[in-house]
Amino acid sequence: MLRRLVQISSKPLTRPQSATAAKEKWDLYAGVLVERLPVVSKSLNPLEQQFQELLWRVEHENSLKSNHEIKHERDLAQAELIKQGKAQVDMDDSAAKQTAQDLKDAYVEEFKKFQLAARKTSDDAANKTDSTDRCLEETVFLLVEQKIGQQQHLLLPQGKRADGESMRQTAERVLREHCGQNLQVLFYGNAPAGFHKYKYPSNQRSESVGAKIFFYRASLRSGNVDSKQQPVIKYEWLPKEALSGKFKNTAYAESVNKFLL
């Protein structure tokens, strides 16, 4: 009797599935998070500026003299000897010779003509959100307008997987269909970086109960969304802090925030 009880208890326990759960079918979607990385380094805050100046001062104090500085000291010593009459001046050689001071004066004049580019562009001033030439210090992400149900939403580009496609192939196709051929991106890999799922309204579950979206990550290399393609779609490039305000669905926003860096 004891042996029989041991045999029975050694069988794995399984939770019975309901007939509804076993028959549930989900549509598979691929989405793409396209990011334009920062173009310039971030501006330093006051504390960072103080620390940078300290590092420059320490580096200057510990550095060795450059060839230019050594040449300048040699020129000054030679000029002093000539002034004291302890050295002769070779007129032919001195006419052709360029001293370190001459070089320094030329460099200073060239530097005065140099102008730093502005960190804020005209598209920043105009708040042109469909431009990638803005928010140069930040990473901006692409949102495109898509119809979900009866409403238009600004979302990451996404589309339904076709038979025979891998999810990566679906992501590439979806991006071409939404954004055209001008947008050149680099996908980071074949594995998705994020996931989101939602159920369809009860009156729309004839074939599938909902959608499962697998998000891939890609960086912008060149170009922009083709504004001439038909139908014309609305799109925006937005920094991270502005994304949540564009997403109408809280659960979708939370899913996207999980894989934003």
Protein backbone atom coordinates (compact mmCIF):
# COMPACT_ATOMS: atom_id res chain seq x y z
CA MET A 1 0.00 0.00 0.00
CA LEU A 2 2.86 2.37 0.89
CA ARG A 3 4.60 1.57 -2.40
CA ARG A 4 1.46 2.37 -4.35
CA LEU A 5 1.09 5.72 -2.59
CA VAL A 6 4.68 6.66 -3.45
CA GLN A 7 4.11 5.84 -7.13
CA ILE A 8 0.98 7.92 -7.25
CA SER A 9 2.54 10.92 -5.51
CA SER A 10 5.55 10.90 -7.87
CA LYS A 11 3.40 11.82 -10.86
CA PRO A 12 3.74 15.51 -11.84
CA LEU A 13 0.84 17.73 -10.94
CA THR A 14 -0.66 19.58 -13.91
CA ARG A 15 -3.17 22.37 -13.84
CA PRO A 16 -6.13 21.60 -16.08
CA GLN A 17 -6.61 24.12 -18.88
CA SER A 18 -10.01 25.44 -19.73
CA ALA A 19 -11.28 24.81 -23.23
CA THR A 20 -11.37 28.58 -23.85
CA ALA A 21 -7.69 29.09 -22.88
CA ALA A 22 -6.57 26.17 -25.05
CA LYS A 23 -8.30 27.59 -28.13
CA GLU A 24 -7.14 31.21 -27.71
CA LYS A 25 -5.38 32.57 -30.79
CA TRP A 26 -3.30 35.75 -30.80
CA ASP A 27 -2.23 37.87 -33.75
CA LEU A 28 1.52 38.47 -33.86
CA TYR A 29 2.79 41.98 -34.56
CA ALA A 30 6.27 43.44 -34.93
CA GLY A 31 7.03 46.99 -33.84
CA VAL A 32 10.19 49.06 -34.29
CA LEU A 33 11.71 51.58 -31.92
CA VAL A 34 13.76 53.85 -34.21
CA GLU A 35 16.09 56.18 -32.32
CA ARG A 36 18.20 59.05 -33.54
CA LEU A 37 21.15 59.16 -31.17
CA PRO A 38 22.56 62.44 -29.79
CA VAL A 39 24.50 64.51 -32.34
CA VAL A 40 26.47 66.60 -29.81
CA SER A 41 27.53 65.99 -26.22
CA LYS A 42 25.32 67.34 -23.46
CA SER A 43 25.99 70.81 -22.08
CA LEU A 44 27.87 70.76 -18.78
CA ASN A 45 26.20 71.94 -15.62
CA PRO A 46 28.12 74.37 -13.33
CA LEU A 47 29.60 71.57 -11.20
CA GLU A 48 30.77 69.65 -14.27
CA GLN A 49 32.33 72.81 -15.69
CA GLN A 50 34.30 73.40 -12.48
CA PHE A 51 35.55 69.82 -12.49
CA GLN A 52 36.55 70.05 -16.16
CA GLU A 53 38.52 73.25 -15.51
CA LEU A 54 40.27 71.52 -12.57
CA LEU A 55 41.29 68.61 -14.80
CA TRP A 56 42.60 70.99 -17.46
CA ARG A 57 44.63 72.88 -14.84
CA VAL A 58 46.14 69.68 -13.43
CA GLU A 59 46.94 68.42 -16.92
CA HIS A 60 48.61 71.73 -17.83
CA GLU A 61 50.71 71.75 -14.65
CA ASN A 62 51.90 68.17 -15.14
CA SER A 63 52.42 68.29 -18.88
CA LEU A 64 55.79 68.49 -20.65
CA LYS A 65 56.67 71.32 -23.00
CA SER A 66 55.61 70.86 -26.60
CA ASN A 67 57.94 71.21 -29.59
CA HIS A 68 56.37 74.60 -30.31
CA GLU A 69 57.14 75.89 -26.79
CA ILE A 70 60.73 74.63 -26.96
CA LYS A 71 61.17 76.31 -30.35
CA HIS A 72 59.74 79.56 -28.97
CA GLU A 73 62.20 79.54 -26.05
CA ARG A 74 65.07 78.87 -28.45
CA ASP A 75 63.99 81.79 -30.65
CA LEU A 76 63.84 84.11 -27.63
CA ALA A 77 67.30 83.04 -26.49
CA GLN A 78 68.71 83.58 -29.98
CA ALA A 79 67.08 87.03 -30.18
CA GLU A 80 68.62 87.99 -26.82
CA LEU A 81 72.09 86.91 -27.97
CA ILE A 82 71.75 88.99 -31.13
CA LYS A 83 70.62 91.97 -29.06
CA GLN A 84 73.71 91.65 -26.86
CA GLY A 85 75.96 91.33 -29.92
CA LYS A 86 77.02 87.83 -28.99
CA ALA A 87 75.60 86.30 -32.17
CA GLN A 88 75.51 87.36 -35.78
CA VAL A 89 72.39 87.67 -37.89
CA ASP A 90 72.25 85.78 -41.17
CA MET A 91 70.03 88.07 -43.26
CA ASP A 92 69.23 85.43 -45.88
CA ASP A 93 68.36 82.84 -43.25
CA SER A 94 66.33 85.21 -41.05
CA ALA A 95 64.22 86.38 -43.98
CA ALA A 96 63.16 82.83 -44.79
CA LYS A 97 62.83 81.67 -41.19
CA GLN A 98 59.41 81.58 -39.51
CA THR A 99 59.63 81.89 -35.76
CA ALA A 100 57.37 80.23 -33.23
CA GLN A 101 55.86 83.65 -32.48
CA ASP A 102 54.97 84.08 -36.16
CA LEU A 103 53.18 80.72 -36.08
CA LYS A 104 51.35 81.65 -32.88
CA ASP A 105 50.16 84.96 -34.35
CA ALA A 106 48.87 83.13 -37.45
CA TYR A 107 47.04 80.57 -35.29
CA VAL A 108 45.43 83.31 -33.18
CA GLU A 109 44.14 85.10 -36.29
CA GLU A 110 42.72 81.86 -37.66
CA PHE A 111 41.06 81.06 -34.33
CA LYS A 112 39.35 84.48 -34.26
CA LYS A 113 37.58 83.55 -37.52
CA PHE A 114 36.29 80.24 -36.11
CA GLN A 115 32.65 80.20 -35.05
CA LEU A 116 31.06 77.45 -32.94
CA ALA A 117 27.87 75.96 -34.36
CA ALA A 118 24.72 76.60 -32.34
CA ARG A 119 23.38 73.79 -30.18
CA LYS A 120 19.84 74.96 -30.90
CA THR A 121 18.72 74.82 -34.52
CA SER A 122 16.00 76.65 -36.42
CA ASP A 123 13.85 73.50 -36.15
CA ASP A 124 14.18 73.73 -32.37
CA ALA A 125 12.94 77.32 -32.47
CA ALA A 126 10.02 76.37 -34.72
CA ASN A 127 9.29 73.21 -32.66
CA LYS A 128 9.34 71.20 -35.89
CA THR A 129 8.76 67.75 -34.44
CA ASP A 130 8.97 65.95 -37.79
CA SER A 131 12.62 66.98 -38.16
CA THR A 132 15.66 65.04 -36.95
CA ASP A 133 17.69 68.28 -36.88
CA ARG A 134 16.52 69.20 -33.38
CA CYS A 135 17.12 68.17 -29.76
CA LEU A 136 20.73 67.53 -30.76
CA GLU A 137 21.81 66.74 -27.19
CA GLU A 138 19.16 64.06 -26.71
CA THR A 139 17.99 60.79 -28.20
CA VAL A 140 14.72 61.20 -30.10
CA PHE A 141 12.34 58.39 -31.07
CA LEU A 142 10.05 57.98 -34.08
CA LEU A 143 6.28 57.81 -33.67
CA VAL A 144 3.91 57.39 -36.62
CA GLU A 145 0.15 57.77 -36.73
CA GLN A 146 -1.71 54.48 -37.09
CA LYS A 147 -5.35 53.43 -36.92
CA ILE A 148 -6.20 51.15 -34.00
CA GLY A 149 -9.88 50.28 -33.96
CA GLN A 150 -11.72 53.42 -34.98
CA GLN A 151 -9.15 55.92 -33.70
CA GLN A 152 -5.81 57.28 -34.86
CA HIS A 153 -2.89 56.89 -32.46
CA LEU A 154 0.73 57.99 -32.47
CA LEU A 155 2.67 54.77 -31.88
CA LEU A 156 5.94 53.08 -32.69
CA PRO A 157 5.72 51.72 -36.28
CA GLN A 158 4.08 48.31 -36.09
CA GLY A 159 2.31 45.79 -38.30
CA LYS A 160 0.93 42.27 -38.42
CA ARG A 161 3.20 39.33 -39.22
CA ALA A 162 2.57 37.63 -42.57
CA ASP A 163 2.83 33.86 -43.08
CA GLY A 164 6.38 32.72 -43.77
CA GLU A 165 8.01 35.79 -42.22
CA SER A 166 10.31 35.87 -39.24
CA MET A 167 9.53 38.58 -36.72
CA ARG A 168 12.67 40.47 -37.78
CA GLN A 169 11.53 40.38 -41.42
CA THR A 170 8.13 41.67 -40.34
CA ALA A 171 9.77 44.55 -38.49
CA GLU A 172 11.80 45.53 -41.58
CA ARG A 173 8.75 45.35 -43.85
CA VAL A 174 6.58 47.33 -41.45
CA LEU A 175 9.18 50.10 -41.30
CA ARG A 176 9.33 50.33 -45.12
CA GLU A 177 5.55 50.41 -45.43
CA HIS A 178 5.11 53.14 -42.83
CA CYS A 179 8.19 55.25 -43.54
CA GLY A 180 9.22 54.63 -47.17
CA GLN A 181 12.64 53.83 -48.61
CA ASN A 182 14.41 57.04 -47.57
CA LEU A 183 14.70 56.06 -43.92
CA GLN A 184 17.92 54.08 -43.45
CA VAL A 185 18.31 52.33 -40.09
CA LEU A 186 20.50 49.74 -38.43
CA PHE A 187 18.73 46.99 -36.47
CA TYR A 188 20.56 46.01 -33.30
CA GLY A 189 19.80 42.30 -33.58
CA ASN A 190 17.35 39.52 -34.39
CA ALA A 191 15.88 39.33 -30.88
CA PRO A 192 13.11 41.71 -29.79
CA ALA A 193 13.87 44.27 -27.10
CA GLY A 194 10.34 44.66 -25.73
CA PHE A 195 6.86 43.16 -25.65
CA HIS A 196 3.25 44.27 -25.26
CA LYS A 197 -0.08 42.52 -25.61
CA TYR A 198 -3.68 43.62 -25.51
CA LYS A 199 -7.07 42.06 -26.12
CA TYR A 200 -9.49 43.14 -28.80
CA PRO A 201 -12.98 44.33 -27.86
CA SER A 202 -15.29 41.35 -27.27
CA ASN A 203 -17.24 42.01 -30.48
CA GLN A 204 -14.02 41.76 -32.56
CA ARG A 205 -12.70 38.42 -31.31
CA SER A 206 -14.10 36.23 -34.06
CA GLU A 207 -10.66 34.92 -35.15
CA SER A 208 -8.18 36.18 -32.53
CA VAL A 209 -8.57 37.33 -28.97
CA GLY A 210 -5.90 39.99 -29.19
CA ALA A 211 -2.47 41.05 -30.39
CA LYS A 212 1.04 40.34 -29.14
CA ILE A 213 3.60 42.95 -30.24
CA PHE A 214 7.34 42.21 -30.28
CA PHE A 215 9.42 45.39 -30.46
CA TYR A 216 12.76 45.62 -32.22
CA ARG A 217 15.28 48.39 -31.69
CA ALA A 218 17.05 50.25 -34.51
CA SER A 219 19.16 53.39 -34.85
CA LEU A 220 18.76 56.01 -37.56
CA ARG A 221 21.60 56.14 -40.08
CA SER A 222 20.27 58.66 -42.58
CA GLY A 223 17.11 60.05 -44.15
CA ASN A 224 13.66 60.60 -42.74
CA VAL A 225 10.10 59.42 -43.24
CA ASP A 226 9.06 59.90 -46.87
CA SER A 227 6.56 62.76 -46.68
CA LYS A 228 5.60 62.27 -50.35
CA GLN A 229 4.32 58.72 -49.99
CA GLN A 230 0.61 58.03 -50.20
CA PRO A 231 -1.33 58.05 -48.02
CA VAL A 232 0.49 60.83 -46.16
CA ILE A 233 1.03 59.89 -42.54
CA LYS A 234 1.71 62.06 -39.53
CA TYR A 235 4.95 61.36 -37.70
CA GLU A 236 7.06 62.93 -34.97
CA TRP A 237 10.56 62.59 -33.52
CA LEU A 238 10.30 63.04 -29.76
CA PRO A 239 12.61 62.80 -26.73
CA LYS A 240 11.93 60.20 -24.07
CA GLU A 241 10.10 62.51 -21.66
CA ALA A 242 7.59 63.52 -24.36
CA LEU A 243 6.62 59.99 -25.44
CA SER A 244 4.26 59.11 -22.59
CA GLY A 245 2.18 62.20 -23.27
CA LYS A 246 1.54 60.99 -26.83
CA PHE A 247 0.47 57.45 -25.88
CA LYS A 248 -3.25 57.29 -25.14
CA ASN A 249 -3.01 53.80 -23.63
CA THR A 250 -1.31 53.64 -20.23
CA ALA A 251 -0.46 49.93 -20.48
CA TYR A 252 1.20 50.50 -23.87
CA ALA A 253 3.23 53.40 -22.46
CA GLU A 254 4.41 51.25 -19.55
CA SER A 255 5.48 48.44 -21.90
CA VAL A 256 7.49 50.86 -24.06
CA ASN A 257 9.10 52.55 -21.06
CA LYS A 258 10.48 49.19 -19.91
CA PHE A 259 12.94 48.98 -22.82
CA LEU A 260 13.72 52.66 -23.29
CA LEU A 261 17.28 53.55 -22.26
